[in-house]
Amino acid sequence: MRGKDQQSDSLFSYIRLETRIPADHPLRPIRKLVDEGLLELSPAFSKLYAREGRPSIPPERLLRALLLQALYTVRSERLLMEQLEYNLLFRWFVGLSMDDVVWDATVFCKNRDRLLDGDIARKFMTSVLNLPQVRGLLSSEHFSVDGTLIEAWASMKSFVPKDGSDAPPSGGGAGGGGRNAERDFHGEKRANDTHFSTTDPDARLFRKGAGKEAKLCHMGYLMTENRNGLIIDARLTEANGTAERTTALDMIDDNAKPGSTVGADKNYDTADFVAGCRERGCTPHVSQNNTNRRSAIDARTTRHPGYRTSTIKRKQIEEPFGWLKTVGGFRKTRHRGRGLVEWFFVLTATAYNLIRIPTILAAAG
């Protein structure tokens, strides 16, 4: 018998939102980890808010919503609020009921910026890694480090002389100026010492290698442990030739104890980085760079079988970088200012861990 296409709304609904989510949905174990991690952050949240006044958006819901933005590659906060309006899965994960009003995108961003003051993203990453079921998955002796370029949210047209000598032409019309006028950079010498970006002053002009184009970008870094490839530290600095190795040594200071091994690619095969690792009591398992030069890694390191293992395990760090740039949306950041970009970089790295941890726990039984 053919059913009738009758469109009538019920006055009341007696179905809980919880029952709409499948019991085996991948977000269920992630939501459990997130709630346990957020519980540890309650004292940090209390310090950021006044005791009196109008209630703000709960910080727990802010972080859950921002995690969804990274997990599902939602390109903007405005689109995220649109999804929360009708997506029952998103409402359940954030903690909204069927009848709760979704926030305005501008109000959401204003409340989100408050979390930057307390470095909540980094504390949230630490709280997740310190969970009892997660701590046993981490290696405390073997690590890998690497860095990557993150394209800034700034056009090359915004990279102008600091003295204002090359202001864009004004006026509109054919062949005129306008705010997005045509520019010809051929033969023009531009450098970070003499130029800056008016869109994102923290961005730096950087070339990845010989024959590559120069771009306005930041530089992001990850430190992973070698047992399961989970991210234990994420940082972001300005892009320059030495920041990659300097930041790696800082992460070793904060996370690796003497006797640990640290794997890295050929870019870290320099005398200062190798010496810095050994000064900290760590063994640098760096891939040798023997192209027209002498490697800083000699037989004292390469003769041990652990060196071969570290060079294989080090390749795991490329997986989170690939996820952050594709799913996480960090091939080209949507934010301006190094502080905000780093905050989202750390939070997106935590989102990667939250995807990997349930899979590892299930495989471990």
Protein backbone atom coordinates (compact mmCIF):
# COMPACT_ATOMS: atom_id res chain seq x y z
CA MET A 1 0.00 0.00 0.00
CA ARG A 2 1.36 3.40 -0.96
CA GLY A 3 1.95 5.78 1.94
CA LYS A 4 0.52 9.28 1.88
CA ASP A 5 2.80 12.32 1.65
CA GLN A 6 1.28 14.12 4.62
CA GLN A 7 3.46 16.88 6.04
CA SER A 8 2.32 17.76 9.52
CA ASP A 9 4.45 18.64 12.51
CA SER A 10 3.87 17.07 15.90
CA LEU A 11 3.23 19.44 18.76
CA PHE A 12 5.48 17.45 21.11
CA SER A 13 8.45 15.15 20.56
CA TYR A 14 9.15 12.28 22.93
CA ILE A 15 12.41 11.08 21.37
CA ARG A 16 15.65 12.01 23.09
CA LEU A 17 18.49 13.39 21.00
CA GLU A 18 20.75 10.71 22.46
CA THR A 19 18.69 7.97 20.75
CA ARG A 20 19.20 9.58 17.35
CA ILE A 21 22.96 8.91 17.45
CA PRO A 22 23.97 5.33 16.51
CA ALA A 23 25.60 3.40 19.33
CA ASP A 24 28.63 2.62 17.16
CA HIS A 25 29.12 6.13 15.80
CA PRO A 26 32.84 7.14 15.79
CA LEU A 27 32.07 10.38 17.65
CA ARG A 28 30.85 8.54 20.75
CA PRO A 29 34.30 7.45 22.04
CA ILE A 30 35.71 10.84 21.01
CA ARG A 31 32.98 12.64 23.00
CA LYS A 32 33.82 10.52 26.04
CA LEU A 33 37.51 11.44 25.85
CA VAL A 34 36.66 15.11 25.33
CA ASP A 35 34.37 15.21 28.38
CA GLU A 36 37.01 13.60 30.58
CA GLY A 37 39.63 16.05 29.38
CA LEU A 38 37.35 19.06 29.86
CA LEU A 39 36.59 17.97 33.42
CA GLU A 40 40.24 18.57 34.32
CA LEU A 41 40.08 22.08 32.84
CA SER A 42 37.24 23.32 35.03
CA PRO A 43 39.56 25.25 37.41
CA ALA A 44 41.29 26.90 34.43
CA PHE A 45 37.91 27.92 33.00
CA SER A 46 36.84 29.45 36.30
CA LYS A 47 39.84 31.80 36.29
CA LEU A 48 38.83 33.24 32.91
CA TYR A 49 35.30 34.30 33.89
CA ALA A 50 33.88 36.75 36.40
CA ARG A 51 31.74 35.55 39.28
CA GLU A 52 28.88 37.91 38.41
CA GLY A 53 27.27 39.17 35.24
CA ARG A 54 25.47 37.71 32.26
CA PRO A 55 26.29 34.05 31.56
CA SER A 56 28.48 33.48 28.51
CA ILE A 57 28.63 30.53 26.17
CA PRO A 58 29.93 27.62 28.29
CA PRO A 59 33.63 27.12 27.42
CA GLU A 60 33.09 23.37 27.26
CA ARG A 61 30.59 23.85 24.43
CA LEU A 62 32.92 26.30 22.72
CA LEU A 63 35.71 23.74 22.60
CA ARG A 64 33.44 20.91 21.47
CA ALA A 65 32.12 23.08 18.64
CA LEU A 66 35.64 24.07 17.57
CA LEU A 67 36.67 20.41 17.58
CA LEU A 68 33.78 19.67 15.21
CA GLN A 69 35.02 22.44 12.96
CA ALA A 70 38.38 20.66 12.69
CA LEU A 71 36.99 17.12 12.46
CA TYR A 72 34.52 17.92 9.69
CA THR A 73 36.52 20.62 7.85
CA VAL A 74 33.94 23.35 8.43
CA ARG A 75 35.47 26.35 6.71
CA SER A 76 34.07 29.15 8.93
CA GLU A 77 32.38 29.82 12.25
CA ARG A 78 29.32 31.14 10.42
CA LEU A 79 28.91 27.86 8.56
CA LEU A 80 29.50 26.00 11.84
CA MET A 81 26.58 27.86 13.43
CA GLU A 82 24.44 26.99 10.40
CA GLN A 83 25.31 23.32 10.83
CA LEU A 84 24.44 23.46 14.53
CA GLU A 85 21.01 24.79 13.59
CA TYR A 86 19.88 21.64 11.81
CA ASN A 87 22.54 18.93 12.29
CA LEU A 88 21.41 16.68 15.15
CA LEU A 89 24.82 14.98 15.37
CA PHE A 90 26.55 18.32 15.87
CA ARG A 91 23.99 19.37 18.48
CA TRP A 92 24.51 16.17 20.43
CA PHE A 93 28.31 16.44 20.38
CA VAL A 94 28.33 20.09 21.49
CA GLY A 95 25.75 19.49 24.22
CA LEU A 96 22.77 21.39 22.80
CA SER A 97 19.25 20.06 23.13
CA MET A 98 16.71 19.97 20.31
CA ASP A 99 15.18 23.26 21.47
CA ASP A 100 18.33 25.24 22.37
CA VAL A 101 18.92 28.40 20.35
CA VAL A 102 22.15 28.42 18.33
CA TRP A 103 24.53 31.31 18.98
CA ASP A 104 25.25 34.16 16.62
CA ALA A 105 28.55 33.67 14.77
CA THR A 106 29.96 37.01 15.98
CA VAL A 107 29.04 36.24 19.61
CA PHE A 108 30.62 32.80 19.23
CA CYS A 109 33.91 34.30 17.99
CA LYS A 110 33.98 36.90 20.78
CA ASN A 111 33.54 34.19 23.41
CA ARG A 112 36.10 31.99 21.66
CA ASP A 113 38.76 34.71 21.84
CA ARG A 114 38.55 34.67 25.64
CA LEU A 115 39.97 31.15 25.65
CA LEU A 116 43.20 32.47 24.10
CA ASP A 117 44.10 34.29 27.31
CA GLY A 118 44.40 31.12 29.33
CA ASP A 119 46.19 29.04 26.66
CA ILE A 120 43.28 26.62 26.88
CA ALA A 121 44.14 24.74 23.69
CA ARG A 122 47.53 23.60 25.05
CA LYS A 123 46.06 22.74 28.44
CA PHE A 124 43.34 20.72 26.73
CA MET A 125 45.95 18.75 24.76
CA THR A 126 47.84 18.03 27.99
CA SER A 127 44.68 16.96 29.83
CA VAL A 128 43.79 14.48 27.08
CA LEU A 129 47.30 13.01 27.02
CA ASN A 130 47.26 12.67 30.83
CA LEU A 131 44.09 10.55 30.89
CA PRO A 132 44.85 7.14 32.48
CA GLN A 133 43.80 5.15 29.41
CA VAL A 134 45.91 7.39 27.14
CA ARG A 135 49.06 7.67 29.23
CA GLY A 136 49.89 4.00 28.67
CA LEU A 137 49.87 4.50 24.91
CA LEU A 138 52.71 7.04 24.97
CA SER A 139 56.41 6.34 24.75
CA SER A 140 58.51 8.29 27.25
CA GLU A 141 61.87 7.61 25.61
CA HIS A 142 61.55 7.75 21.81
CA PHE A 143 60.34 10.81 19.90
CA SER A 144 60.31 12.46 16.48
CA VAL A 145 60.25 16.15 15.52
CA ASP A 146 59.51 17.96 12.29
CA GLY A 147 58.25 21.28 10.94
CA THR A 148 56.16 22.51 8.05
CA LEU A 149 55.15 25.76 6.38
CA ILE A 150 51.62 27.07 6.95
CA GLU A 151 50.52 29.56 4.35
CA ALA A 152 49.28 32.77 5.94
CA TRP A 153 45.89 34.35 5.28
CA ALA A 154 47.50 37.22 3.39
CA SER A 155 48.00 38.11 -0.25
CA MET A 156 51.36 38.87 -1.76
CA LYS A 157 49.90 42.25 -2.71
CA SER A 158 49.77 43.09 1.00
CA PHE A 159 53.57 42.71 1.28
CA VAL A 160 54.64 46.35 0.95
CA PRO A 161 57.68 48.43 1.99
CA LYS A 162 57.77 49.48 5.62
CA ASP A 163 58.51 53.08 4.68
CA GLY A 164 55.34 53.32 2.58
CA SER A 165 57.23 54.19 -0.61
CA ASP A 166 55.21 51.77 -2.75
CA ALA A 167 51.61 52.54 -1.82
CA PRO A 168 49.01 50.93 -4.15
CA PRO A 169 47.42 53.31 -6.67
CA SER A 170 44.06 54.82 -5.77
CA GLY A 171 40.93 55.16 -7.84
CA GLY A 172 38.89 52.66 -9.79
CA GLY A 173 37.94 51.99 -13.37
CA ALA A 174 39.74 50.17 -16.13
CA GLY A 175 43.48 50.30 -15.66
CA GLY A 176 43.01 52.18 -12.38
CA GLY A 177 43.69 51.17 -8.83
CA GLY A 178 41.03 50.09 -6.43
CA ARG A 179 41.60 48.03 -3.34
CA ASN A 180 42.59 44.96 -5.38
CA ALA A 181 44.52 46.53 -8.26
CA GLU A 182 46.81 44.58 -10.56
CA ARG A 183 50.47 44.49 -9.46
CA ASP A 184 53.62 43.49 -11.32
CA PHE A 185 56.37 42.22 -9.00
CA HIS A 186 58.80 41.26 -11.77
CA GLY A 187 62.31 42.46 -10.97
CA GLU A 188 61.29 43.89 -7.59
CA LYS A 189 63.45 42.96 -4.59
CA ARG A 190 61.44 42.23 -1.47
CA ALA A 191 62.69 41.03 1.90
CA ASN A 192 61.39 40.69 5.44
CA ASP A 193 63.79 43.38 6.64
CA THR A 194 62.33 46.03 4.36
CA HIS A 195 58.75 44.81 3.76
CA PHE A 196 55.82 43.62 5.84
CA SER A 197 52.29 42.35 5.25
CA THR A 198 49.53 44.84 5.99
CA THR A 199 47.05 41.96 6.32
CA ASP A 200 49.04 39.79 8.74
CA PRO A 201 52.16 41.57 10.09
CA ASP A 202 53.29 38.32 11.77
CA ALA A 203 53.59 36.49 8.44
CA ARG A 204 57.05 36.22 6.89
CA LEU A 205 58.17 35.78 3.30
CA PHE A 206 59.85 32.37 3.09
CA ARG A 207 61.07 30.03 0.37
CA LYS A 208 60.88 26.30 1.09
CA GLY A 209 63.81 25.42 -1.13
CA ALA A 210 65.78 26.22 -4.24
CA GLY A 211 63.51 26.77 -7.22
CA LYS A 212 60.41 27.15 -5.04
CA GLU A 213 58.25 30.24 -4.90
CA ALA A 214 58.37 32.50 -1.86
CA LYS A 215 55.15 32.73 0.18
CA LEU A 216 53.86 34.59 3.20
CA CYS A 217 53.67 31.93 5.85
CA HIS A 218 54.15 30.76 9.42
CA MET A 219 56.08 27.68 10.51
CA GLY A 220 54.41 24.92 12.52
CA TYR A 221 56.13 22.12 14.44
CA LEU A 222 55.08 18.79 15.90
CA MET A 223 56.69 16.39 18.33
CA THR A 224 55.34 12.84 18.32
CA GLU A 225 56.12 9.79 20.36
CA ASN A 226 57.28 6.76 18.40
CA ARG A 227 55.09 4.06 19.93
CA ASN A 228 51.78 5.08 18.33
CA GLY A 229 52.63 8.35 16.59
CA LEU A 230 50.52 10.56 18.86
CA ILE A 231 51.28 14.28 19.03
CA ILE A 232 52.68 15.34 22.40
CA ASP A 233 53.63 18.92 21.50
CA ALA A 234 52.66 21.44 18.81
CA ARG A 235 54.07 24.93 18.33
CA LEU A 236 54.14 27.73 15.79
CA THR A 237 56.73 30.46 15.17
CA GLU A 238 57.72 32.88 12.46
CA ALA A 239 59.22 31.34 9.35
CA ASN A 240 63.01 31.64 9.18
CA GLY A 241 65.99 29.44 8.44
CA THR A 242 66.90 28.48 12.02
CA ALA A 243 63.53 28.40 13.79
CA GLU A 244 62.90 24.75 12.91
CA ARG A 245 65.94 23.45 14.81
CA THR A 246 65.68 25.97 17.65
CA THR A 247 62.06 25.08 18.34
CA ALA A 248 62.88 21.37 18.18
CA LEU A 249 65.46 21.83 20.94
CA ASP A 250 62.89 23.74 23.01
CA MET A 251 60.42 20.87 22.65
CA ILE A 252 63.13 18.41 23.66
CA ASP A 253 63.77 20.49 26.80
CA ASP A 254 60.09 20.33 27.76
CA ASN A 255 59.24 16.75 26.84
CA ALA A 256 62.29 14.48 26.57
CA LYS A 257 64.35 13.28 29.49
CA PRO A 258 68.05 12.35 29.31
CA GLY A 259 68.57 9.02 27.58
CA SER A 260 65.79 9.59 25.04
CA THR A 261 66.16 9.34 21.28
CA VAL A 262 64.92 12.03 18.90
CA GLY A 263 64.34 11.24 15.23
CA ALA A 264 64.36 13.93 12.53
CA ASP A 265 64.85 14.34 8.79
CA LYS A 266 67.89 15.60 6.87
CA ASN A 267 67.11 19.26 7.56
CA TYR A 268 68.18 18.66 11.17
CA ASP A 269 71.55 17.21 10.20
CA THR A 270 73.51 20.23 11.40
CA ALA A 271 76.32 20.49 13.91
CA ASP A 272 74.43 22.83 16.25
CA PHE A 273 71.29 20.65 16.46
CA VAL A 274 73.23 17.42 16.97
CA ALA A 275 75.39 19.06 19.64
CA GLY A 276 72.28 20.55 21.29
CA CYS A 277 70.67 17.11 21.56
CA ARG A 278 73.76 15.59 23.08
CA GLU A 279 74.10 18.44 25.57
CA ARG A 280 70.58 17.57 26.76
CA GLY A 281 71.50 13.90 27.14
CA CYS A 282 69.44 12.80 24.12
CA THR A 283 70.60 10.74 21.17
CA PRO A 284 69.95 12.47 17.82
CA HIS A 285 68.60 9.84 15.40
CA VAL A 286 68.76 12.26 12.47
CA SER A 287 68.78 11.07 8.86
CA GLN A 288 72.18 11.68 7.34
CA ASN A 289 72.63 14.38 4.71
CA ASN A 290 75.71 13.39 2.69
CA THR A 291 74.95 15.39 -0.46
CA ASN A 292 78.13 17.38 -1.20
CA ARG A 293 78.82 17.71 2.51
CA ARG A 294 79.85 15.79 5.61
CA SER A 295 77.10 14.59 7.91
CA ALA A 296 77.08 15.60 11.57
CA ILE A 297 75.87 12.07 12.42
CA ASP A 298 78.70 9.56 12.55
CA ALA A 299 79.11 5.86 13.31
CA ARG A 300 78.71 6.47 17.05
CA THR A 301 75.00 6.77 16.30
CA THR A 302 74.38 4.89 13.05
CA ARG A 303 75.99 1.61 14.20
CA HIS A 304 73.20 0.94 16.71
CA PRO A 305 70.07 -0.95 15.54
CA GLY A 306 67.90 1.63 17.30
CA TYR A 307 68.99 4.23 14.75
CA ARG A 308 67.44 2.21 11.94
CA THR A 309 64.22 1.81 13.94
CA SER A 310 63.97 5.53 14.66
CA THR A 311 64.45 6.49 11.00
CA ILE A 312 61.54 4.21 10.10
CA LYS A 313 59.31 5.40 12.94
CA ARG A 314 60.09 9.04 12.16
CA LYS A 315 58.02 8.83 8.98
CA GLN A 316 54.88 8.52 11.12
CA ILE A 317 55.08 12.25 11.84
CA GLU A 318 54.12 12.97 8.23
CA GLU A 319 50.66 11.48 8.84
CA PRO A 320 49.48 14.14 11.33
CA PHE A 321 50.97 16.86 9.13
CA GLY A 322 48.97 15.52 6.19
CA TRP A 323 45.77 15.37 8.26
CA LEU A 324 46.25 18.87 9.65
CA LYS A 325 46.72 20.33 6.17
CA THR A 326 43.82 18.52 4.49
CA VAL A 327 41.08 17.68 6.97
CA GLY A 328 42.20 20.20 9.58
CA GLY A 329 42.33 23.01 7.03
CA PHE A 330 45.89 24.16 7.78
CA ARG A 331 47.29 24.13 4.27
CA LYS A 332 46.31 27.80 4.36
CA THR A 333 45.20 29.14 7.72
CA ARG A 334 41.92 31.07 7.99
CA HIS A 335 43.17 33.28 10.84
CA ARG A 336 45.53 36.21 11.16
CA GLY A 337 48.09 36.85 13.90
CA ARG A 338 50.57 34.32 15.19
CA GLY A 339 48.85 33.91 18.56
CA LEU A 340 45.48 32.97 17.07
CA VAL A 341 47.01 30.74 14.39
CA GLU A 342 49.06 28.85 16.99
CA TRP A 343 46.01 28.41 19.23
CA PHE A 344 44.08 26.74 16.42
CA PHE A 345 47.12 24.74 15.35
CA VAL A 346 47.41 23.20 18.82
CA LEU A 347 43.65 22.54 19.02
CA THR A 348 43.64 20.87 15.60
CA ALA A 349 46.59 18.70 16.66
CA THR A 350 44.50 17.62 19.67
CA ALA A 351 41.64 16.77 17.31
CA TYR A 352 44.02 14.46 15.42
CA ASN A 353 44.91 12.70 18.67
CA LEU A 354 41.23 12.30 19.53
CA ILE A 355 40.67 10.48 16.24
CA ARG A 356 43.63 8.16 16.72
CA ILE A 357 43.24 7.29 20.40
CA PRO A 358 39.93 5.30 20.18
CA THR A 359 41.34 3.28 17.27
CA ILE A 360 44.52 2.47 19.19
CA LEU A 361 42.59 1.56 22.33
CA ALA A 362 40.28 -0.74 20.35
CA ALA A 363 43.26 -2.46 18.70
CA ALA A 364 44.88 -2.95 22.10
CA GLY A 365 41.74 -4.62 23.42
